[in-house]
Structure formats: structure tokens, C-alpha cells
Amino acid sequence: MAYASHTQAHTRIADADFTALLDPALIRSARQIYTTYYEVHPGLIQRPLGVAINRFTHRGKLIFSGKPILLPQECFVPFSQIESELY
């Protein structure tokens, strides 16, 4: 039981550290992907969890449910980081 709670705490810390280390250019690209999607689909109100984005090409897809399965060259930009400068 102690092992499971240690692993969960480690995962939360690793997730927090990872999002803090995202390249600002990736966050800008993820924000542009979201903005383009919103402009094309203004009637949809479902908020995405974030964007899975390629670190090299900056191409990405919005993720709406579940935990994304990322390719080695991809990272996940959570919506909280995307929206931090939207408004």
C-alpha cells in the first residue's frame, strides 16, 4: 500500500514538473491550435483537456477525453497552460 501512494505522489510531482518545463514556443503553438479550432467551431462548448503536440513540427491535436498516448516526439500541453494567456 505504501508503494502505491508513493508512486501516485511521484506521478503528481513529475506531472507538475513536466508542465512547468514546457517550451514557451510549444505553449504558443498549442494556443494557436486551440484558437483555430475555436474559430472554426464556435458553437462547440466542450473544453479540451489539452493539446498533444509534436516538439519539432509544432503540429498537434486537441485532446478531449482520456489520457493521451503520445509518440516519443510529442508532449502534452494542458489546457490550463493554454488558457493562462487567452483572456
N, C-alpha and C. Protein backbone atom coordinates (compact mmCIF):
# COMPACT_ATOMS: atom_id res chain seq x y z
N MET A 1 0.82 -1.19 0.00
CA MET A 1 0.00 0.00 0.00
C MET A 1 0.87 1.26 0.00
N ALA A 2 1.93 1.27 0.79
CA ALA A 2 2.81 2.44 0.83
C ALA A 2 3.44 2.68 -0.53
N TYR A 3 3.73 1.60 -1.24
CA TYR A 3 4.34 1.72 -2.57
C TYR A 3 3.40 2.45 -3.53
N ALA A 4 2.11 2.10 -3.50
CA ALA A 4 1.14 2.73 -4.40
C ALA A 4 1.02 4.23 -4.12
N SER A 5 0.95 4.61 -2.85
CA SER A 5 0.80 6.03 -2.55
C SER A 5 2.08 6.79 -2.90
N HIS A 6 3.24 6.15 -2.71
CA HIS A 6 4.50 6.78 -3.10
C HIS A 6 4.54 6.99 -4.61
N THR A 7 4.09 5.99 -5.36
CA THR A 7 4.08 6.09 -6.83
C THR A 7 3.12 7.19 -7.28
N GLN A 8 1.95 7.26 -6.67
CA GLN A 8 0.98 8.29 -7.05
C GLN A 8 1.53 9.68 -6.75
N ALA A 9 2.15 9.84 -5.59
CA ALA A 9 2.73 11.15 -5.25
C ALA A 9 3.85 11.50 -6.22
N HIS A 10 4.67 10.52 -6.56
CA HIS A 10 5.76 10.76 -7.51
C HIS A 10 5.21 11.17 -8.87
N THR A 11 4.11 10.52 -9.31
CA THR A 11 3.50 10.85 -10.60
C THR A 11 2.98 12.28 -10.59
N ARG A 12 2.32 12.69 -9.50
CA ARG A 12 1.81 14.07 -9.42
C ARG A 12 2.95 15.07 -9.49
N ILE A 13 4.04 14.80 -8.79
CA ILE A 13 5.19 15.68 -8.81
C ILE A 13 5.79 15.74 -10.20
N ALA A 14 5.95 14.58 -10.83
CA ALA A 14 6.53 14.52 -12.17
C ALA A 14 5.65 15.29 -13.16
N ASP A 15 4.32 15.14 -13.07
CA ASP A 15 3.41 15.86 -13.96
C ASP A 15 3.56 17.37 -13.75
N ALA A 16 3.62 17.81 -12.50
CA ALA A 16 3.74 19.24 -12.21
C ALA A 16 5.07 19.77 -12.74
N ASP A 17 6.15 19.01 -12.54
CA ASP A 17 7.45 19.44 -13.03
C ASP A 17 7.46 19.50 -14.55
N PHE A 18 6.83 18.54 -15.20
CA PHE A 18 6.84 18.48 -16.65
C PHE A 18 6.14 19.70 -17.24
N THR A 19 4.97 20.05 -16.72
CA THR A 19 4.23 21.18 -17.28
C THR A 19 4.98 22.48 -17.05
N ALA A 20 5.74 22.57 -15.98
CA ALA A 20 6.49 23.79 -15.71
C ALA A 20 7.66 23.95 -16.68
N LEU A 21 8.11 22.85 -17.27
CA LEU A 21 9.28 22.89 -18.14
C LEU A 21 8.96 23.00 -19.62
N LEU A 22 7.69 23.16 -19.97
CA LEU A 22 7.32 23.24 -21.38
C LEU A 22 7.91 24.48 -22.04
N ASP A 23 8.37 24.30 -23.25
CA ASP A 23 8.92 25.38 -24.06
C ASP A 23 7.81 26.40 -24.35
N PRO A 24 8.03 27.68 -24.09
CA PRO A 24 7.01 28.70 -24.38
C PRO A 24 6.54 28.68 -25.83
N ALA A 25 7.41 28.32 -26.76
CA ALA A 25 7.00 28.23 -28.17
C ALA A 25 5.98 27.12 -28.37
N LEU A 26 6.12 26.02 -27.63
CA LEU A 26 5.13 24.94 -27.71
C LEU A 26 3.78 25.40 -27.15
N ILE A 27 3.83 26.14 -26.08
CA ILE A 27 2.59 26.66 -25.49
C ILE A 27 1.91 27.62 -26.46
N ARG A 28 2.68 28.48 -27.11
CA ARG A 28 2.10 29.40 -28.12
C ARG A 28 1.48 28.61 -29.28
N SER A 29 2.16 27.57 -29.74
CA SER A 29 1.63 26.76 -30.84
C SER A 29 0.36 26.04 -30.41
N ALA A 30 0.35 25.51 -29.19
CA ALA A 30 -0.84 24.83 -28.68
C ALA A 30 -2.00 25.82 -28.56
N ARG A 31 -1.71 27.04 -28.13
CA ARG A 31 -2.73 28.08 -28.02
C ARG A 31 -3.29 28.41 -29.41
N GLN A 32 -2.42 28.46 -30.43
CA GLN A 32 -2.87 28.75 -31.79
C GLN A 32 -3.74 27.62 -32.33
N ILE A 33 -3.37 26.38 -32.02
CA ILE A 33 -4.18 25.23 -32.44
C ILE A 33 -5.57 25.32 -31.82
N TYR A 34 -5.62 25.63 -30.53
CA TYR A 34 -6.91 25.77 -29.86
C TYR A 34 -7.71 26.94 -30.45
N THR A 35 -7.07 28.09 -30.65
CA THR A 35 -7.76 29.27 -31.18
C THR A 35 -8.33 28.99 -32.56
N THR A 36 -7.57 28.34 -33.41
CA THR A 36 -8.05 27.99 -34.76
C THR A 36 -9.25 27.06 -34.67
N TYR A 37 -9.17 26.06 -33.79
CA TYR A 37 -10.29 25.12 -33.62
C TYR A 37 -11.53 25.89 -33.16
N TYR A 38 -11.37 26.76 -32.19
CA TYR A 38 -12.49 27.52 -31.65
C TYR A 38 -13.11 28.44 -32.71
N GLU A 39 -12.28 29.06 -33.55
CA GLU A 39 -12.79 29.93 -34.60
C GLU A 39 -13.57 29.15 -35.66
N VAL A 40 -13.13 27.94 -35.96
CA VAL A 40 -13.80 27.11 -36.96
C VAL A 40 -15.07 26.47 -36.40
N HIS A 41 -15.07 26.17 -35.09
CA HIS A 41 -16.21 25.51 -34.43
C HIS A 41 -16.71 26.35 -33.25
N PRO A 42 -17.23 27.55 -33.50
CA PRO A 42 -17.62 28.43 -32.38
C PRO A 42 -18.79 27.89 -31.56
N GLY A 43 -19.60 27.02 -32.13
CA GLY A 43 -20.77 26.51 -31.42
C GLY A 43 -20.44 25.39 -30.44
N LEU A 44 -19.28 24.81 -30.54
CA LEU A 44 -18.91 23.73 -29.64
C LEU A 44 -18.38 24.31 -28.33
N ILE A 45 -18.92 23.82 -27.24
CA ILE A 45 -18.54 24.39 -25.96
C ILE A 45 -17.71 23.43 -25.10
N GLN A 46 -17.44 22.23 -25.60
CA GLN A 46 -16.65 21.29 -24.81
C GLN A 46 -15.21 21.78 -24.69
N ARG A 47 -14.75 21.88 -23.49
CA ARG A 47 -13.39 22.34 -23.23
C ARG A 47 -12.42 21.16 -23.37
N PRO A 48 -11.33 21.33 -24.10
CA PRO A 48 -10.37 20.22 -24.24
C PRO A 48 -9.55 20.05 -22.96
N LEU A 49 -8.98 18.86 -22.81
CA LEU A 49 -8.05 18.63 -21.71
C LEU A 49 -6.71 19.29 -22.01
N GLY A 50 -6.40 19.39 -23.30
CA GLY A 50 -5.14 20.00 -23.71
C GLY A 50 -4.83 19.65 -25.15
N VAL A 51 -3.56 19.82 -25.51
CA VAL A 51 -3.11 19.57 -26.88
C VAL A 51 -1.92 18.63 -26.85
N ALA A 52 -1.99 17.57 -27.66
CA ALA A 52 -0.83 16.71 -27.89
C ALA A 52 -0.10 17.34 -29.07
N ILE A 53 1.15 17.70 -28.88
CA ILE A 53 1.87 18.49 -29.89
C ILE A 53 3.26 17.91 -30.14
N ASN A 54 3.64 17.92 -31.41
CA ASN A 54 4.96 17.47 -31.81
C ASN A 54 5.98 18.54 -31.46
N ARG A 55 7.03 18.17 -30.74
CA ARG A 55 8.04 19.14 -30.28
C ARG A 55 8.82 19.78 -31.41
N PHE A 56 8.90 19.10 -32.57
CA PHE A 56 9.72 19.59 -33.67
C PHE A 56 8.91 20.34 -34.72
N THR A 57 7.74 19.80 -35.09
CA THR A 57 6.94 20.43 -36.14
C THR A 57 5.90 21.40 -35.58
N HIS A 58 5.60 21.30 -34.29
CA HIS A 58 4.58 22.10 -33.61
C HIS A 58 3.18 21.84 -34.17
N ARG A 59 2.98 20.69 -34.80
CA ARG A 59 1.64 20.29 -35.22
C ARG A 59 1.04 19.49 -34.08
N GLY A 60 -0.27 19.66 -33.86
CA GLY A 60 -0.89 18.97 -32.75
C GLY A 60 -2.37 18.77 -32.92
N LYS A 61 -2.93 18.06 -31.94
CA LYS A 61 -4.36 17.77 -31.93
C LYS A 61 -4.91 18.05 -30.53
N LEU A 62 -6.13 18.56 -30.51
CA LEU A 62 -6.80 18.76 -29.23
C LEU A 62 -7.20 17.41 -28.66
N ILE A 63 -7.07 17.27 -27.35
CA ILE A 63 -7.47 16.06 -26.65
C ILE A 63 -8.67 16.42 -25.78
N PHE A 64 -9.77 15.68 -25.97
CA PHE A 64 -11.00 15.99 -25.23
C PHE A 64 -11.31 15.01 -24.12
N SER A 65 -10.80 13.79 -24.20
CA SER A 65 -11.11 12.82 -23.15
C SER A 65 -9.99 11.80 -23.04
N GLY A 66 -9.91 11.21 -21.89
CA GLY A 66 -8.92 10.17 -21.66
C GLY A 66 -7.52 10.73 -21.53
N LYS A 67 -6.60 9.85 -21.25
CA LYS A 67 -5.20 10.25 -21.13
C LYS A 67 -4.56 10.02 -22.50
N PRO A 68 -3.92 11.04 -23.06
CA PRO A 68 -3.35 10.88 -24.41
C PRO A 68 -2.19 9.90 -24.43
N ILE A 69 -2.12 9.15 -25.51
CA ILE A 69 -0.97 8.28 -25.75
C ILE A 69 -0.09 9.05 -26.72
N LEU A 70 1.09 9.40 -26.25
CA LEU A 70 1.97 10.28 -27.02
C LEU A 70 3.08 9.50 -27.72
N LEU A 71 3.43 9.97 -28.90
CA LEU A 71 4.59 9.44 -29.60
C LEU A 71 5.84 10.02 -28.94
N PRO A 72 7.00 9.40 -29.16
CA PRO A 72 8.22 9.89 -28.50
C PRO A 72 8.53 11.37 -28.74
N GLN A 73 8.18 11.91 -29.89
CA GLN A 73 8.49 13.30 -30.20
C GLN A 73 7.38 14.26 -29.78
N GLU A 74 6.34 13.75 -29.12
CA GLU A 74 5.22 14.58 -28.71
C GLU A 74 5.25 14.88 -27.21
N CYS A 75 4.57 15.95 -26.86
CA CYS A 75 4.35 16.26 -25.45
C CYS A 75 2.91 16.73 -25.33
N PHE A 76 2.44 16.82 -24.09
CA PHE A 76 1.07 17.24 -23.82
C PHE A 76 1.10 18.61 -23.15
N VAL A 77 0.33 19.54 -23.71
CA VAL A 77 0.20 20.87 -23.13
C VAL A 77 -1.20 20.94 -22.51
N PRO A 78 -1.30 20.97 -21.19
CA PRO A 78 -2.62 21.03 -20.55
C PRO A 78 -3.35 22.33 -20.85
N PHE A 79 -4.68 22.24 -20.89
CA PHE A 79 -5.47 23.42 -21.22
C PHE A 79 -5.24 24.56 -20.23
N SER A 80 -4.93 24.24 -18.99
CA SER A 80 -4.68 25.30 -18.01
C SER A 80 -3.52 26.20 -18.45
N GLN A 81 -2.52 25.64 -19.11
CA GLN A 81 -1.42 26.47 -19.60
C GLN A 81 -1.80 27.21 -20.88
N ILE A 82 -2.67 26.62 -21.66
CA ILE A 82 -3.13 27.28 -22.90
C ILE A 82 -3.99 28.50 -22.55
N GLU A 83 -4.90 28.32 -21.61
CA GLU A 83 -5.84 29.40 -21.28
C GLU A 83 -5.23 30.48 -20.40
N SER A 84 -4.07 30.25 -19.82
CA SER A 84 -3.49 31.21 -18.89
C SER A 84 -3.28 32.59 -19.54
N GLU A 85 -3.09 32.64 -20.85
CA GLU A 85 -2.89 33.91 -21.52
C GLU A 85 -3.94 34.18 -22.61
N LEU A 86 -5.02 33.40 -22.62
CA LEU A 86 -6.04 33.60 -23.64
C LEU A 86 -6.90 34.83 -23.36
N TYR A 87 -7.18 35.09 -22.09
CA TYR A 87 -8.14 36.14 -21.77
C TYR A 87 -7.49 37.39 -21.28
